[in-house]
Amino acid sequence: MVFTRVLTRLGWQIRYGLAAGALTVGIAAGAVPVAADEIQDWQRDIVKKIIKTHIYPRSAIAREIEGSAKVQVTIDRSGKITGYDIVEPSGQAQLDKVIPKMMEKLDPLPSPPASLPDGNLSFVIPIAWRLQ
């Protein structure tokens, strides 16, 4: 089984593959002017937390149901999730119904670095459920 997710927001993204153990972090040229190391460390901490809290329903695994969804998450300066919105559901009821549970388990996320502008405290978390 391989889980793959991508976090994106205003020019930064995190890609990781759970099975491969790969972590690639890139900050695009148009990214906000903050300390890259701080952002990368924070992003890695978010990825680790997502890996730990990912839920793949047993009933979906048994029926070989796969899918992906995107969730817009807003946090405060302490990392508390102040809101989330499923901006792109997976279309699979068994997968979509675990998203609120995942958000509860994710709360709170790691605190963002002080140098990160408030405008970057909202980002999209794509979630994928894939069987290999």
N, C-alpha and C. Protein backbone atom coordinates (compact mmCIF):
# COMPACT_ATOMS: atom_id res chain seq x y z
N MET A 1 0.84 -1.17 0.00
CA MET A 1 0.00 0.00 0.00
C MET A 1 0.89 1.24 0.00
N VAL A 2 0.62 2.19 -0.85
CA VAL A 2 1.40 3.42 -0.93
C VAL A 2 0.46 4.60 -0.70
N PHE A 3 0.85 5.49 0.20
CA PHE A 3 0.09 6.71 0.42
C PHE A 3 0.93 7.86 -0.12
N THR A 4 0.32 8.71 -0.92
CA THR A 4 1.04 9.85 -1.46
C THR A 4 0.21 11.10 -1.25
N ARG A 5 0.83 12.17 -0.80
CA ARG A 5 0.15 13.43 -0.60
C ARG A 5 1.01 14.57 -1.08
N VAL A 6 0.36 15.68 -1.40
CA VAL A 6 1.07 16.89 -1.78
C VAL A 6 0.42 18.04 -1.03
N LEU A 7 1.22 18.89 -0.42
CA LEU A 7 0.73 20.11 0.21
C LEU A 7 1.16 21.28 -0.66
N THR A 8 0.22 22.15 -1.01
CA THR A 8 0.60 23.31 -1.81
C THR A 8 -0.04 24.57 -1.25
N ARG A 9 0.65 25.69 -1.38
CA ARG A 9 0.09 27.00 -1.01
C ARG A 9 1.07 28.07 -1.42
N LEU A 10 0.64 28.97 -2.27
CA LEU A 10 1.41 30.14 -2.66
C LEU A 10 2.87 29.83 -3.00
N GLY A 11 3.07 28.86 -3.85
CA GLY A 11 4.40 28.62 -4.34
C GLY A 11 5.23 27.60 -3.59
N TRP A 12 4.72 27.07 -2.45
CA TRP A 12 5.51 26.01 -1.82
C TRP A 12 4.76 24.72 -1.90
N GLN A 13 5.51 23.65 -1.94
CA GLN A 13 4.84 22.36 -1.96
C GLN A 13 5.70 21.31 -1.28
N ILE A 14 5.01 20.32 -0.76
CA ILE A 14 5.67 19.18 -0.14
C ILE A 14 5.14 17.95 -0.84
N ARG A 15 6.02 17.06 -1.23
CA ARG A 15 5.61 15.78 -1.79
C ARG A 15 6.26 14.70 -0.95
N TYR A 16 5.47 13.69 -0.64
CA TYR A 16 6.09 12.57 0.03
C TYR A 16 5.38 11.29 -0.33
N GLY A 17 6.11 10.22 -0.29
CA GLY A 17 5.56 8.89 -0.49
C GLY A 17 5.85 8.08 0.75
N LEU A 18 4.82 7.59 1.40
CA LEU A 18 4.99 6.88 2.65
C LEU A 18 5.79 5.61 2.44
N ALA A 19 5.46 4.85 1.41
CA ALA A 19 6.16 3.58 1.20
C ALA A 19 7.61 3.81 0.81
N ALA A 20 7.84 4.78 -0.03
CA ALA A 20 9.20 5.04 -0.50
C ALA A 20 10.02 5.79 0.53
N GLY A 21 9.35 6.45 1.48
CA GLY A 21 10.06 7.23 2.47
C GLY A 21 10.67 8.50 1.90
N ALA A 22 10.23 8.89 0.71
CA ALA A 22 10.80 10.05 0.04
C ALA A 22 10.14 11.33 0.53
N LEU A 23 10.91 12.36 0.65
CA LEU A 23 10.40 13.67 1.02
C LEU A 23 11.11 14.69 0.15
N THR A 24 10.34 15.39 -0.65
CA THR A 24 10.90 16.43 -1.50
C THR A 24 10.21 17.73 -1.15
N VAL A 25 10.97 18.74 -0.85
CA VAL A 25 10.41 20.04 -0.50
C VAL A 25 11.01 21.07 -1.44
N GLY A 26 10.14 21.88 -2.03
CA GLY A 26 10.63 22.93 -2.90
C GLY A 26 9.92 24.23 -2.64
N ILE A 27 10.63 25.31 -2.67
CA ILE A 27 10.03 26.63 -2.55
C ILE A 27 10.21 27.31 -3.89
N ALA A 28 9.10 27.65 -4.51
CA ALA A 28 9.12 28.24 -5.85
C ALA A 28 9.72 29.64 -5.81
N ALA A 29 10.10 30.10 -6.97
CA ALA A 29 10.74 31.42 -7.09
C ALA A 29 9.87 32.54 -6.56
N GLY A 30 8.56 32.43 -6.67
CA GLY A 30 7.66 33.49 -6.23
C GLY A 30 7.25 33.38 -4.78
N ALA A 31 7.90 32.54 -4.01
CA ALA A 31 7.50 32.31 -2.63
C ALA A 31 7.74 33.55 -1.78
N VAL A 32 7.05 33.57 -0.64
CA VAL A 32 7.18 34.70 0.28
C VAL A 32 8.58 34.73 0.87
N PRO A 33 9.12 35.93 1.19
CA PRO A 33 10.49 36.05 1.68
C PRO A 33 10.60 35.69 3.17
N VAL A 34 10.73 34.43 3.48
CA VAL A 34 10.94 33.98 4.85
C VAL A 34 12.11 32.99 4.84
N ALA A 35 12.59 32.66 6.01
CA ALA A 35 13.73 31.75 6.12
C ALA A 35 13.32 30.38 5.59
N ALA A 36 13.98 29.94 4.53
CA ALA A 36 13.63 28.69 3.87
C ALA A 36 13.75 27.51 4.81
N ASP A 37 14.77 27.49 5.66
CA ASP A 37 14.95 26.37 6.58
C ASP A 37 13.78 26.26 7.56
N GLU A 38 13.31 27.41 8.06
CA GLU A 38 12.17 27.40 8.98
C GLU A 38 10.93 26.83 8.30
N ILE A 39 10.68 27.26 7.08
CA ILE A 39 9.51 26.80 6.34
C ILE A 39 9.64 25.31 6.05
N GLN A 40 10.80 24.88 5.62
CA GLN A 40 11.00 23.45 5.31
C GLN A 40 10.82 22.59 6.54
N ASP A 41 11.33 23.02 7.68
CA ASP A 41 11.17 22.27 8.92
C ASP A 41 9.69 22.18 9.30
N TRP A 42 8.99 23.29 9.19
CA TRP A 42 7.56 23.33 9.51
C TRP A 42 6.78 22.42 8.57
N GLN A 43 7.08 22.49 7.27
CA GLN A 43 6.40 21.65 6.30
C GLN A 43 6.66 20.16 6.59
N ARG A 44 7.88 19.82 6.92
CA ARG A 44 8.20 18.42 7.26
C ARG A 44 7.40 17.96 8.47
N ASP A 45 7.27 18.85 9.46
CA ASP A 45 6.49 18.50 10.65
C ASP A 45 5.02 18.26 10.30
N ILE A 46 4.49 19.06 9.38
CA ILE A 46 3.11 18.87 8.93
C ILE A 46 2.97 17.52 8.23
N VAL A 47 3.91 17.22 7.35
CA VAL A 47 3.88 15.95 6.62
C VAL A 47 3.91 14.77 7.59
N LYS A 48 4.79 14.83 8.58
CA LYS A 48 4.87 13.75 9.57
C LYS A 48 3.54 13.56 10.29
N LYS A 49 2.90 14.66 10.63
CA LYS A 49 1.63 14.57 11.34
C LYS A 49 0.55 13.98 10.43
N ILE A 50 0.54 14.37 9.16
CA ILE A 50 -0.44 13.82 8.22
C ILE A 50 -0.22 12.32 8.06
N ILE A 51 1.01 11.89 7.96
CA ILE A 51 1.31 10.46 7.83
C ILE A 51 0.75 9.70 9.04
N LYS A 52 0.95 10.25 10.22
CA LYS A 52 0.50 9.58 11.45
C LYS A 52 -1.03 9.54 11.56
N THR A 53 -1.71 10.52 11.00
CA THR A 53 -3.16 10.61 11.19
C THR A 53 -3.98 10.15 10.00
N HIS A 54 -3.32 9.71 8.94
CA HIS A 54 -4.05 9.26 7.74
C HIS A 54 -4.94 8.08 8.09
N ILE A 55 -6.17 8.13 7.61
CA ILE A 55 -7.14 7.06 7.85
C ILE A 55 -7.54 6.47 6.50
N TYR A 56 -7.39 5.17 6.35
CA TYR A 56 -7.88 4.46 5.17
C TYR A 56 -8.88 3.45 5.68
N PRO A 57 -10.18 3.70 5.49
CA PRO A 57 -11.20 2.81 6.05
C PRO A 57 -11.02 1.36 5.59
N ARG A 58 -11.15 0.44 6.51
CA ARG A 58 -11.00 -0.99 6.18
C ARG A 58 -12.01 -1.42 5.13
N SER A 59 -13.21 -0.88 5.22
CA SER A 59 -14.24 -1.25 4.24
C SER A 59 -13.85 -0.80 2.84
N ALA A 60 -13.17 0.34 2.73
CA ALA A 60 -12.71 0.83 1.43
C ALA A 60 -11.56 -0.04 0.92
N ILE A 61 -10.69 -0.45 1.82
CA ILE A 61 -9.59 -1.34 1.42
C ILE A 61 -10.15 -2.66 0.93
N ALA A 62 -11.11 -3.21 1.68
CA ALA A 62 -11.70 -4.50 1.32
C ALA A 62 -12.37 -4.45 -0.05
N ARG A 63 -12.96 -3.31 -0.37
CA ARG A 63 -13.65 -3.15 -1.67
C ARG A 63 -12.74 -2.56 -2.74
N GLU A 64 -11.46 -2.38 -2.38
CA GLU A 64 -10.46 -1.81 -3.28
C GLU A 64 -10.87 -0.44 -3.84
N ILE A 65 -11.42 0.38 -2.94
CA ILE A 65 -11.83 1.73 -3.30
C ILE A 65 -10.64 2.67 -3.12
N GLU A 66 -10.34 3.43 -4.15
CA GLU A 66 -9.28 4.43 -4.12
C GLU A 66 -9.89 5.79 -4.43
N GLY A 67 -9.17 6.84 -4.11
CA GLY A 67 -9.64 8.18 -4.44
C GLY A 67 -8.70 9.24 -3.91
N SER A 68 -9.05 10.47 -4.19
CA SER A 68 -8.27 11.60 -3.67
C SER A 68 -9.22 12.76 -3.42
N ALA A 69 -8.84 13.59 -2.48
CA ALA A 69 -9.64 14.75 -2.11
C ALA A 69 -8.69 15.90 -1.79
N LYS A 70 -9.22 17.10 -1.78
CA LYS A 70 -8.45 18.28 -1.39
C LYS A 70 -9.21 19.00 -0.28
N VAL A 71 -8.46 19.35 0.76
CA VAL A 71 -9.05 20.01 1.92
C VAL A 71 -8.32 21.32 2.17
N GLN A 72 -9.05 22.43 2.15
CA GLN A 72 -8.51 23.75 2.48
C GLN A 72 -8.52 23.87 4.00
N VAL A 73 -7.36 24.08 4.58
CA VAL A 73 -7.21 24.16 6.03
C VAL A 73 -6.71 25.55 6.41
N THR A 74 -7.30 26.11 7.46
CA THR A 74 -6.86 27.39 8.00
C THR A 74 -6.45 27.16 9.44
N ILE A 75 -5.28 27.67 9.80
CA ILE A 75 -4.78 27.53 11.17
C ILE A 75 -4.51 28.90 11.77
N ASP A 76 -4.41 28.93 13.09
CA ASP A 76 -3.99 30.17 13.75
C ASP A 76 -2.49 30.07 14.05
N ARG A 77 -1.96 31.06 14.71
CA ARG A 77 -0.52 31.11 14.97
C ARG A 77 -0.03 29.97 15.88
N SER A 78 -0.94 29.37 16.64
CA SER A 78 -0.54 28.26 17.51
C SER A 78 -0.61 26.92 16.77
N GLY A 79 -1.15 26.92 15.54
CA GLY A 79 -1.30 25.69 14.77
C GLY A 79 -2.68 25.07 14.88
N LYS A 80 -3.54 25.66 15.72
CA LYS A 80 -4.90 25.14 15.87
C LYS A 80 -5.66 25.32 14.56
N ILE A 81 -6.34 24.27 14.14
CA ILE A 81 -7.15 24.36 12.93
C ILE A 81 -8.41 25.15 13.26
N THR A 82 -8.54 26.31 12.63
CA THR A 82 -9.69 27.18 12.89
C THR A 82 -10.82 26.92 11.90
N GLY A 83 -10.51 26.19 10.85
CA GLY A 83 -11.54 25.85 9.87
C GLY A 83 -10.96 24.99 8.76
N TYR A 84 -11.85 24.24 8.15
CA TYR A 84 -11.44 23.47 6.98
C TYR A 84 -12.64 23.32 6.08
N ASP A 85 -12.37 23.11 4.81
CA ASP A 85 -13.41 22.96 3.81
C ASP A 85 -12.95 21.93 2.79
N ILE A 86 -13.78 20.97 2.52
CA ILE A 86 -13.46 19.97 1.51
C ILE A 86 -13.73 20.63 0.16
N VAL A 87 -12.66 21.06 -0.49
CA VAL A 87 -12.80 21.79 -1.75
C VAL A 87 -12.94 20.86 -2.95
N GLU A 88 -12.50 19.63 -2.79
CA GLU A 88 -12.64 18.63 -3.85
C GLU A 88 -12.84 17.26 -3.19
N PRO A 89 -14.10 16.81 -3.05
CA PRO A 89 -14.33 15.50 -2.45
C PRO A 89 -13.83 14.38 -3.35
N SER A 90 -13.61 13.23 -2.76
CA SER A 90 -13.12 12.09 -3.53
C SER A 90 -14.22 11.48 -4.40
N GLY A 91 -15.47 11.71 -4.02
CA GLY A 91 -16.57 11.09 -4.74
C GLY A 91 -16.89 9.70 -4.22
N GLN A 92 -16.13 9.25 -3.24
CA GLN A 92 -16.35 7.96 -2.61
C GLN A 92 -16.80 8.22 -1.17
N ALA A 93 -18.05 7.89 -0.85
CA ALA A 93 -18.61 8.20 0.46
C ALA A 93 -17.76 7.63 1.60
N GLN A 94 -17.24 6.43 1.44
CA GLN A 94 -16.45 5.81 2.50
C GLN A 94 -15.17 6.60 2.78
N LEU A 95 -14.61 7.21 1.76
CA LEU A 95 -13.40 7.99 1.95
C LEU A 95 -13.72 9.39 2.46
N ASP A 96 -14.74 10.02 1.87
CA ASP A 96 -15.09 11.39 2.26
C ASP A 96 -15.53 11.49 3.72
N LYS A 97 -16.18 10.44 4.22
CA LYS A 97 -16.67 10.53 5.60
C LYS A 97 -15.56 10.46 6.64
N VAL A 98 -14.35 10.03 6.27
CA VAL A 98 -13.25 10.01 7.25
C VAL A 98 -12.48 11.33 7.29
N ILE A 99 -12.74 12.22 6.36
CA ILE A 99 -12.00 13.50 6.34
C ILE A 99 -12.22 14.29 7.63
N PRO A 100 -13.46 14.45 8.13
CA PRO A 100 -13.60 15.17 9.42
C PRO A 100 -12.83 14.50 10.56
N LYS A 101 -12.81 13.18 10.58
CA LYS A 101 -12.05 12.47 11.62
C LYS A 101 -10.56 12.75 11.48
N MET A 102 -10.08 12.81 10.24
CA MET A 102 -8.67 13.11 10.01
C MET A 102 -8.34 14.53 10.48
N MET A 103 -9.24 15.48 10.23
CA MET A 103 -9.00 16.86 10.65
C MET A 103 -8.96 16.96 12.17
N GLU A 104 -9.82 16.20 12.86
CA GLU A 104 -9.81 16.18 14.32
C GLU A 104 -8.47 15.65 14.84
N LYS A 105 -7.99 14.58 14.21
CA LYS A 105 -6.72 13.98 14.63
C LYS A 105 -5.53 14.89 14.30
N LEU A 106 -5.64 15.66 13.23
CA LEU A 106 -4.56 16.58 12.84
C LEU A 106 -4.44 17.78 13.77
N ASP A 107 -5.56 18.16 14.41
CA ASP A 107 -5.60 19.37 15.23
C ASP A 107 -4.94 19.14 16.58
N PRO A 108 -3.97 19.95 16.96
CA PRO A 108 -3.41 21.08 16.23
C PRO A 108 -2.25 20.63 15.34
N LEU A 109 -2.03 21.39 14.29
CA LEU A 109 -0.87 21.20 13.44
C LEU A 109 0.32 21.89 14.10
N PRO A 110 1.53 21.61 13.65
CA PRO A 110 2.69 22.33 14.20
C PRO A 110 2.53 23.84 14.01
N SER A 111 3.00 24.59 14.99
CA SER A 111 2.94 26.06 14.91
C SER A 111 3.79 26.55 13.76
N PRO A 112 3.25 27.48 12.96
CA PRO A 112 4.05 28.02 11.86
C PRO A 112 5.16 28.92 12.38
N PRO A 113 6.23 29.06 11.61
CA PRO A 113 7.30 29.96 12.03
C PRO A 113 6.80 31.40 12.10
N ALA A 114 7.34 32.17 13.00
CA ALA A 114 6.93 33.57 13.18
C ALA A 114 7.14 34.38 11.91
N SER A 115 8.11 33.99 11.10
CA SER A 115 8.42 34.75 9.89
C SER A 115 7.42 34.49 8.75
N LEU A 116 6.54 33.52 8.92
CA LEU A 116 5.55 33.22 7.88
C LEU A 116 4.41 34.23 7.96
N PRO A 117 4.09 34.91 6.85
CA PRO A 117 3.00 35.89 6.87
C PRO A 117 1.64 35.23 7.15
N ASP A 118 0.75 36.00 7.78
CA ASP A 118 -0.57 35.48 8.10
C ASP A 118 -1.32 34.98 6.88
N GLY A 119 -1.05 35.54 5.72
CA GLY A 119 -1.72 35.12 4.49
C GLY A 119 -1.41 33.68 4.11
N ASN A 120 -0.39 33.09 4.69
CA ASN A 120 -0.01 31.71 4.38
C ASN A 120 -0.50 30.72 5.44
N LEU A 121 -1.40 31.15 6.30
CA LEU A 121 -1.92 30.27 7.33
C LEU A 121 -3.13 29.49 6.84
N SER A 122 -3.39 29.56 5.56
CA SER A 122 -4.45 28.78 4.93
C SER A 122 -3.82 28.08 3.73
N PHE A 123 -4.01 26.78 3.63
CA PHE A 123 -3.39 26.01 2.56
C PHE A 123 -4.23 24.79 2.25
N VAL A 124 -3.96 24.19 1.12
CA VAL A 124 -4.70 23.01 0.66
C VAL A 124 -3.89 21.75 0.94
N ILE A 125 -4.56 20.78 1.53
CA ILE A 125 -3.94 19.48 1.77
C ILE A 125 -4.63 18.46 0.85
N PRO A 126 -3.97 18.03 -0.21
CA PRO A 126 -4.53 16.94 -1.00
C PRO A 126 -4.31 15.61 -0.25
N ILE A 127 -5.32 14.78 -0.22
CA ILE A 127 -5.24 13.50 0.45
C ILE A 127 -5.54 12.41 -0.58
N ALA A 128 -4.71 11.40 -0.60
CA ALA A 128 -4.92 10.31 -1.57
C ALA A 128 -5.01 8.97 -0.84
N TRP A 129 -5.93 8.17 -1.29
CA TRP A 129 -6.08 6.81 -0.80
C TRP A 129 -5.78 5.90 -1.99
N ARG A 130 -4.65 5.22 -1.95
CA ARG A 130 -4.21 4.38 -3.05
C ARG A 130 -3.77 3.02 -2.53
N LEU A 131 -4.15 1.98 -3.21
CA LEU A 131 -3.71 0.62 -2.91
C LEU A 131 -2.64 0.23 -3.91
N GLN A 132 -1.62 -0.46 -3.46
CA GLN A 132 -0.57 -0.94 -4.35
C GLN A 132 -0.38 -2.43 -4.07
